[in-house]
């Protein structure tokens, strides 16, 4: 493999001398410049050398200035620099080395010494290149593993969100609609793309705490008693407890949403009675989408509203139940929200699939075969 040695010296005979050292080496290509400015212009145009042999005392731009210019460049694209100079004082040597020079040879020099030092520097560069490639491969592997882990987390959290819906939702499409509503609403609110994606994955977790609510209360037809409603309220706390202690941002956001999506702007919500801007934006967004979807859906304990009734209710609840900013954004895109509601409408079944199995309306063997 050929290597380029760039000699930077204002004395032509010095360039010729260095060139003569390597003239019998077919793997070495010698390039040269008579000052620092010419050298920099050359590498900016034609690319970096494998090694540079640099004089210090030159017109236009001396060797110290060249080293200063190269310092940041060589951090990203390393190549060795050997100083060859008639300056032999300790202060100049220390200065050159502190600016990044890899070696320092004083003039006059021995031909064999120069050749050996160049060979050593080229070996160091080769090892540096091998290490850089290895680090790049390690980084790619880590990124791939990180993506796999992230995808696994997303799949787990998505499937976990579905578990609560099997107990309460008729068709399981509630989750699909909530994610679609949240995506539109966060976009309208100008939330960053990264936070929007996290909201899409975390929003399905809002009712995960319903796993801890008894069936006789969760699926009770008609109005709940005060005591029963107090039990229902606990699903927010249970949901937060499920994600408590996590150090994953996605699960922390899920915890925040589970805990706060029933808080009200006027402070009359639950479980914490938060008010106004003390309610996290994530909770406010899921609150308004959840209410819209719940009111326009038929459940065992209630009949559905028309989308017009639901939008009108949301409009009246501005600064009462809902954040004014979130309400305004919702009303701006209400037509698109309704389109999603219609496109992802529930199938006309009477009750959750699990309840149908328990009531003997669906054959369990047939259902298992379908799910396979």
Protein backbone atom coordinates (compact mmCIF):
# COMPACT_ATOMS: atom_id res chain seq x y z
CA UNK A 1 0.00 0.00 0.00
CA UNK A 2 1.43 3.38 -1.00
CA UNK A 3 1.94 6.09 1.60
CA UNK A 4 2.24 9.84 1.03
CA UNK A 5 4.96 11.76 2.85
CA UNK A 6 4.51 15.51 2.67
CA UNK A 7 7.72 17.53 3.18
CA UNK A 8 7.21 21.18 4.14
CA UNK A 9 10.44 23.21 4.01
CA UNK A 10 11.47 26.53 2.44
CA UNK A 11 14.91 25.17 1.48
CA UNK A 12 14.74 23.09 -1.74
CA UNK A 13 17.89 21.10 -0.92
CA UNK A 14 16.29 19.90 2.33
CA UNK A 15 13.28 18.64 0.37
CA UNK A 16 15.63 16.90 -2.09
CA UNK A 17 17.54 15.31 0.77
CA UNK A 18 14.41 13.84 2.35
CA UNK A 19 13.20 12.67 -1.05
CA UNK A 20 16.52 10.89 -1.62
CA UNK A 21 16.10 8.95 1.61
CA UNK A 22 12.96 7.26 0.22
CA UNK A 23 13.73 7.23 -3.51
CA UNK A 24 14.19 3.43 -3.61
CA UNK A 25 10.95 2.76 -1.71
CA UNK A 26 8.17 2.18 -4.26
CA UNK A 27 5.53 2.37 -1.53
CA UNK A 28 6.41 5.98 -0.68
CA UNK A 29 5.17 9.03 -2.61
CA UNK A 30 6.85 12.34 -1.77
CA UNK A 31 4.93 15.61 -2.02
CA UNK A 32 6.31 18.98 -1.00
CA UNK A 33 5.55 22.61 -0.22
CA UNK A 34 7.85 25.58 0.44
CA UNK A 35 5.78 27.13 3.25
CA UNK A 36 2.81 26.51 5.52
CA UNK A 37 0.23 28.28 3.34
CA UNK A 38 1.14 26.22 0.29
CA UNK A 39 0.97 23.02 2.36
CA UNK A 40 -2.47 23.82 3.77
CA UNK A 41 -3.82 24.80 0.35
CA UNK A 42 -2.56 21.48 -1.02
CA UNK A 43 -4.11 19.24 1.64
CA UNK A 44 -7.40 21.15 1.47
CA UNK A 45 -7.50 20.47 -2.26
CA UNK A 46 -6.02 16.97 -2.55
CA UNK A 47 -6.57 15.42 0.88
CA UNK A 48 -4.40 14.54 3.86
CA UNK A 49 -0.99 12.85 3.73
CA UNK A 50 -0.02 9.76 5.70
CA UNK A 51 2.82 11.63 7.40
CA UNK A 52 4.21 15.18 7.35
CA UNK A 53 7.83 16.24 7.77
CA UNK A 54 7.71 19.88 8.84
CA UNK A 55 10.31 22.62 9.16
CA UNK A 56 9.71 25.33 11.78
CA UNK A 57 11.36 28.44 10.35
CA UNK A 58 9.57 29.32 7.10
CA UNK A 59 8.22 32.51 5.48
CA UNK A 60 4.49 33.29 5.19
CA UNK A 61 3.41 30.67 7.74
CA UNK A 62 5.92 28.98 10.02
CA UNK A 63 5.84 25.45 11.44
CA UNK A 64 4.30 26.49 14.77
CA UNK A 65 1.36 28.11 12.94
CA UNK A 66 0.95 24.99 10.81
CA UNK A 67 0.85 22.79 13.94
CA UNK A 68 -1.78 25.08 15.46
CA UNK A 69 -3.89 24.85 12.29
CA UNK A 70 -3.56 21.07 12.12
CA UNK A 71 -4.39 20.38 15.78
CA UNK A 72 -8.18 20.17 15.44
CA UNK A 73 -7.99 18.57 11.99
CA UNK A 74 -5.72 15.76 13.24
CA UNK A 75 -8.04 14.97 16.14
CA UNK A 76 -10.57 13.75 13.59
CA UNK A 77 -8.18 12.51 10.89
CA UNK A 78 -4.90 11.57 12.50
CA UNK A 79 -1.58 11.60 10.64
CA UNK A 80 1.87 11.89 12.27
CA UNK A 81 3.96 15.07 12.09
CA UNK A 82 7.76 14.96 12.44
CA UNK A 83 9.59 18.23 12.98
CA UNK A 84 12.99 18.58 11.28
CA UNK A 85 14.57 21.87 12.30
CA UNK A 86 17.90 23.56 12.96
CA UNK A 87 16.32 25.02 16.09
CA UNK A 88 17.58 22.93 18.98
CA UNK A 89 16.63 24.95 22.06
CA UNK A 90 14.54 23.17 24.68
CA UNK A 91 11.76 25.78 24.68
CA UNK A 92 11.09 25.41 20.92
CA UNK A 93 11.10 21.61 21.13
CA UNK A 94 8.61 21.67 24.02
CA UNK A 95 6.42 24.18 22.19
CA UNK A 96 6.34 22.07 19.02
CA UNK A 97 5.53 18.87 20.92
CA UNK A 98 2.82 20.64 22.95
CA UNK A 99 1.19 21.76 19.69
CA UNK A 100 0.91 18.14 18.57
CA UNK A 101 4.16 17.21 16.86
CA UNK A 102 4.84 13.49 17.24
CA UNK A 103 8.62 13.61 16.93
CA UNK A 104 11.44 16.15 16.70
CA UNK A 105 14.71 15.77 14.75
CA UNK A 106 17.39 18.45 14.70
CA UNK A 107 19.38 19.37 11.61
CA UNK A 108 21.71 18.04 10.41
CA UNK A 109 20.19 14.58 10.71
CA UNK A 110 21.29 11.03 9.98
CA UNK A 111 19.59 9.46 6.97
CA UNK A 112 18.99 6.14 8.75
CA UNK A 113 17.61 7.92 11.79
CA UNK A 114 15.04 9.75 9.66
CA UNK A 115 14.07 6.56 7.83
CA UNK A 116 13.58 4.63 11.08
CA UNK A 117 11.54 7.39 12.68
CA UNK A 118 9.31 7.69 9.62
CA UNK A 119 8.83 3.91 9.57
CA UNK A 120 7.90 3.96 13.26
CA UNK A 121 5.43 6.81 12.75
CA UNK A 122 3.81 5.00 9.81
CA UNK A 123 3.40 1.88 11.98
CA UNK A 124 1.74 4.02 14.63
CA UNK A 125 -0.61 5.44 12.00
CA UNK A 126 -1.49 1.93 10.78
CA UNK A 127 -2.32 0.87 14.32
CA UNK A 128 -4.36 4.02 14.76
CA UNK A 129 -6.33 3.23 11.59
CA UNK A 130 -6.94 -0.36 12.71
CA UNK A 131 -8.10 0.87 16.12
CA UNK A 132 -10.36 3.50 14.53
CA UNK A 133 -11.99 0.84 12.32
CA UNK A 134 -12.45 -1.43 15.32
CA UNK A 135 -14.03 1.40 17.30
CA UNK A 136 -16.32 2.21 14.35
CA UNK A 137 -17.42 -1.44 14.22
CA UNK A 138 -17.97 -1.47 17.98
CA UNK A 139 -20.01 1.71 17.71
CA UNK A 140 -22.11 0.23 14.90
CA UNK A 141 -22.67 -2.93 16.95
CA UNK A 142 -23.64 -0.86 19.98
CA UNK A 143 -26.03 1.23 17.89
CA UNK A 144 -27.60 -1.93 16.45
CA UNK A 145 -27.97 -3.45 19.91
CA UNK A 146 -29.40 -0.16 21.16
CA UNK A 147 -31.96 -0.17 18.33
CA UNK A 148 -32.92 -3.77 19.08
CA UNK A 149 -33.30 -2.94 22.76
CA UNK A 150 -35.33 0.16 21.99
CA UNK A 151 -37.58 -1.79 19.62
CA UNK A 152 -38.01 -4.48 22.28
CA UNK A 153 -38.98 -1.88 24.86
CA UNK A 154 -41.48 -0.33 22.46
CA UNK A 155 -43.02 -3.71 21.63
CA UNK A 156 -43.27 -4.66 25.30
CA UNK A 157 -44.88 -1.39 26.31
CA UNK A 158 -47.31 -1.52 23.37
CA UNK A 159 -48.42 -5.05 24.21
CA UNK A 160 -48.66 -4.15 27.89
CA UNK A 161 -51.04 -1.35 26.97
CA UNK A 162 -53.30 -3.81 25.20
CA UNK A 163 -53.70 -5.96 28.29
CA UNK A 164 -55.79 -3.35 30.09
CA UNK A 165 -57.94 -2.83 27.02
CA UNK A 166 -58.90 -6.51 26.82
CA UNK A 167 -60.79 -6.04 30.09
CA UNK A 168 -62.62 -2.85 29.24
CA UNK A 169 -62.60 -2.06 25.51
CA UNK A 170 -65.02 -3.72 23.15
CA UNK A 171 -62.70 -4.13 20.16
CA UNK A 172 -59.27 -2.92 21.23
CA UNK A 173 -59.39 -0.01 18.74
CA UNK A 174 -59.46 2.56 21.54
CA UNK A 175 -55.66 2.32 21.76
CA UNK A 176 -55.27 2.78 17.98
CA UNK A 177 -57.40 5.90 18.05
CA UNK A 178 -55.68 7.41 21.10
CA UNK A 179 -52.28 7.03 19.44
CA UNK A 180 -53.58 8.65 16.24
CA UNK A 181 -55.22 11.52 18.15
CA UNK A 182 -52.11 12.11 20.23
CA UNK A 183 -49.92 12.16 17.12
CA UNK A 184 -52.06 14.85 15.50
CA UNK A 185 -52.39 16.89 18.67
CA UNK A 186 -48.70 16.90 19.57
CA UNK A 187 -47.90 17.97 16.01
CA UNK A 188 -50.41 20.83 16.23
CA UNK A 189 -48.91 21.91 19.56
CA UNK A 190 -45.43 22.08 18.01
CA UNK A 191 -43.93 19.39 20.22
CA UNK A 192 -40.54 18.09 19.06
CA UNK A 193 -40.42 14.96 16.90
CA UNK A 194 -38.58 12.94 19.56
CA UNK A 195 -41.10 13.81 22.28
CA UNK A 196 -43.97 13.12 19.87
CA UNK A 197 -42.67 9.61 19.21
CA UNK A 198 -42.34 8.96 22.93
CA UNK A 199 -45.89 10.23 23.47
CA UNK A 200 -47.17 7.84 20.78
CA UNK A 201 -45.59 4.88 22.59
CA UNK A 202 -46.41 6.00 26.13
CA UNK A 203 -50.01 7.14 25.63
CA UNK A 204 -51.39 3.56 25.33
CA UNK A 205 -50.27 3.03 28.94
CA UNK A 206 -52.68 5.61 30.37
CA UNK A 207 -55.16 3.02 31.70
CA UNK A 208 -52.73 0.22 32.57
CA UNK A 209 -53.74 0.62 36.21
CA UNK A 210 -57.17 -0.84 35.37
CA UNK A 211 -55.50 -4.23 35.69
CA UNK A 212 -55.80 -3.71 39.42
CA UNK A 213 -59.51 -2.82 39.41
CA UNK A 214 -62.01 -5.63 40.20
CA UNK A 215 -64.14 -6.81 37.27
CA UNK A 216 -67.42 -6.30 39.09
CA UNK A 217 -66.66 -2.57 39.27
CA UNK A 218 -64.83 -2.09 35.98
CA UNK A 219 -67.56 -3.83 33.94
CA UNK A 220 -70.57 -2.80 36.00
CA UNK A 221 -73.51 -1.69 33.84
CA UNK A 222 -74.91 1.70 34.79
CA UNK A 223 -73.76 4.30 37.28
CA UNK A 224 -71.14 3.51 39.92
CA UNK A 225 -71.66 4.23 43.60
CA UNK A 226 -69.36 6.77 45.27
CA UNK A 227 -67.30 3.99 46.85
CA UNK A 228 -67.02 2.16 43.52
CA UNK A 229 -65.94 5.35 41.75
CA UNK A 230 -63.26 5.90 44.40
CA UNK A 231 -61.94 2.43 43.57
CA UNK A 232 -61.94 3.28 39.84
CA UNK A 233 -59.90 6.40 40.63
CA UNK A 234 -57.14 4.17 41.98
CA UNK A 235 -56.25 3.02 38.46
CA UNK A 236 -54.19 6.21 38.07
CA UNK A 237 -52.13 5.44 41.17
CA UNK A 238 -51.81 1.75 40.28
CA UNK A 239 -50.60 2.68 36.79
CA UNK A 240 -47.98 5.02 38.24
CA UNK A 241 -46.86 2.30 40.67
CA UNK A 242 -46.36 -0.15 37.81
CA UNK A 243 -43.76 2.18 36.28
CA UNK A 244 -42.33 3.51 39.53
CA UNK A 245 -38.54 3.50 39.90
CA UNK A 246 -37.76 3.23 36.18
CA UNK A 247 -34.73 4.96 34.69
CA UNK A 248 -36.03 4.65 31.13
CA UNK A 249 -37.40 7.97 29.75
CA UNK A 250 -40.18 6.20 27.83
CA UNK A 251 -41.47 4.38 30.92
CA UNK A 252 -41.11 7.53 33.04
CA UNK A 253 -43.34 9.32 30.52
CA UNK A 254 -45.80 6.42 30.70
CA UNK A 255 -45.80 6.76 34.50
CA UNK A 256 -46.48 10.50 34.23
CA UNK A 257 -49.39 9.96 31.84
CA UNK A 258 -50.93 7.11 33.87
CA UNK A 259 -50.84 9.28 37.00
CA UNK A 260 -52.08 12.60 35.58
CA UNK A 261 -54.50 11.94 32.73
CA UNK A 262 -57.50 12.46 35.03
CA UNK A 263 -56.27 15.73 36.53
CA UNK A 264 -58.37 18.81 35.68
CA UNK A 265 -57.29 22.33 34.80
CA UNK A 266 -59.52 23.73 37.60
CA UNK A 267 -57.91 21.46 40.21
CA UNK A 268 -60.92 19.20 40.71
CA UNK A 269 -59.39 16.12 39.11
CA UNK A 270 -57.69 13.09 40.65
CA UNK A 271 -55.60 11.60 42.19
CA UNK A 272 -53.40 14.60 43.12
CA UNK A 273 -55.75 17.52 42.51
CA UNK A 274 -53.19 19.28 40.32
CA UNK A 275 -54.22 22.59 38.81
CA UNK A 276 -53.35 24.59 35.71
CA UNK A 277 -49.78 24.49 34.49
CA UNK A 278 -48.85 22.08 37.29
CA UNK A 279 -50.44 19.34 35.18
CA UNK A 280 -47.83 17.87 32.80
CA UNK A 281 -48.58 18.56 29.13
CA UNK A 282 -48.48 14.79 28.51
CA UNK A 283 -51.34 14.25 30.95
CA UNK A 284 -53.35 17.12 29.48
CA UNK A 285 -52.99 15.78 25.93
CA UNK A 286 -54.04 12.24 26.83
CA UNK A 287 -56.88 13.58 29.02
CA UNK A 288 -58.62 15.41 26.18
CA UNK A 289 -58.14 12.60 23.64
CA UNK A 290 -59.27 9.97 26.14
CA UNK A 291 -62.43 11.90 26.99
CA UNK A 292 -63.26 12.43 23.34
CA UNK A 293 -62.82 8.75 22.54
CA UNK A 294 -64.61 7.53 25.66
CA UNK A 295 -67.65 9.76 25.12
CA UNK A 296 -67.97 8.74 21.46
CA UNK A 297 -67.66 5.01 22.22
CA UNK A 298 -70.32 2.58 23.34
CA UNK A 299 -69.52 0.68 26.53
CA UNK A 300 -71.37 -1.76 28.75
CA UNK A 301 -71.89 1.03 31.31
CA UNK A 302 -72.78 3.90 28.90
CA UNK A 303 -74.09 4.81 25.47
CA UNK A 304 -72.02 6.77 22.99
CA UNK A 305 -72.34 10.45 22.12
CA UNK A 306 -72.18 11.86 18.64
CA UNK A 307 -68.85 13.43 17.68
CA UNK A 308 -70.59 16.81 17.58
CA UNK A 309 -71.75 16.40 21.18
CA UNK A 310 -68.25 15.38 22.27
CA UNK A 311 -66.58 18.36 20.55
CA UNK A 312 -69.14 20.73 22.03
CA UNK A 313 -68.48 19.29 25.51
CA UNK A 314 -64.72 19.76 25.09
CA UNK A 315 -65.28 23.35 23.97
CA UNK A 316 -67.32 24.08 27.12
CA UNK A 317 -64.71 22.44 29.35
CA UNK A 318 -61.90 24.79 28.26
CA UNK A 319 -60.12 26.07 31.39
CA UNK A 320 -62.37 23.84 33.49
CA UNK A 321 -61.50 20.26 32.75
CA UNK A 322 -58.95 20.85 29.99
CA UNK A 323 -55.87 22.99 29.35
CA UNK A 324 -56.79 26.05 27.25
CA UNK A 325 -53.81 25.57 24.91
CA UNK A 326 -54.52 21.87 24.42
CA UNK A 327 -58.24 22.58 23.94
CA UNK A 328 -57.56 25.23 21.30
CA UNK A 329 -55.23 22.88 19.44
CA UNK A 330 -57.79 20.07 19.63
CA UNK A 331 -60.58 22.29 18.27
CA UNK A 332 -58.33 23.47 15.43
CA UNK A 333 -57.90 19.89 14.22
CA UNK A 334 -61.31 18.58 15.35
CA UNK A 335 -62.30 17.63 11.80
CA UNK A 336 -59.20 15.46 11.41
CA UNK A 337 -59.81 13.90 14.84
CA UNK A 338 -63.35 13.00 13.78
CA UNK A 339 -62.06 11.51 10.53
CA UNK A 340 -59.83 9.19 12.55
CA UNK A 341 -62.74 8.32 14.84
CA UNK A 342 -64.84 7.31 11.84
CA UNK A 343 -62.03 5.44 10.06
CA UNK A 344 -61.16 3.43 13.16
CA UNK A 345 -64.69 2.90 14.46
CA UNK A 346 -65.45 0.00 16.82
CA UNK A 347 -67.06 -3.09 15.43
CA UNK A 348 -70.60 -3.48 16.60
CA UNK A 349 -70.10 -6.09 19.32
CA UNK A 350 -71.96 -6.01 22.58
CA UNK A 351 -69.16 -6.55 25.07
CA UNK A 352 -65.40 -7.18 25.44
CA UNK A 353 -64.20 -10.43 23.84
CA UNK A 354 -63.12 -11.89 27.19
CA UNK A 355 -66.60 -11.22 28.61
CA UNK A 356 -68.14 -12.94 25.58
CA UNK A 357 -65.99 -16.00 26.30
CA UNK A 358 -67.00 -15.97 29.98
CA UNK A 359 -70.67 -15.73 28.99
CA UNK A 360 -70.33 -18.64 26.57
CA UNK A 361 -71.07 -16.50 23.53
CA UNK A 362 -67.70 -17.31 21.91
CA UNK A 363 -66.18 -20.79 21.68
CA UNK A 364 -62.77 -20.67 23.39
CA UNK A 365 -61.25 -23.39 21.15
CA UNK A 366 -62.27 -21.51 18.02
CA UNK A 367 -60.89 -18.26 19.43
CA UNK A 368 -57.54 -19.87 20.24
CA UNK A 369 -57.33 -21.29 16.75
CA UNK A 370 -58.00 -17.84 15.24
CA UNK A 371 -55.32 -16.22 17.46
CA UNK A 372 -52.76 -18.76 16.30
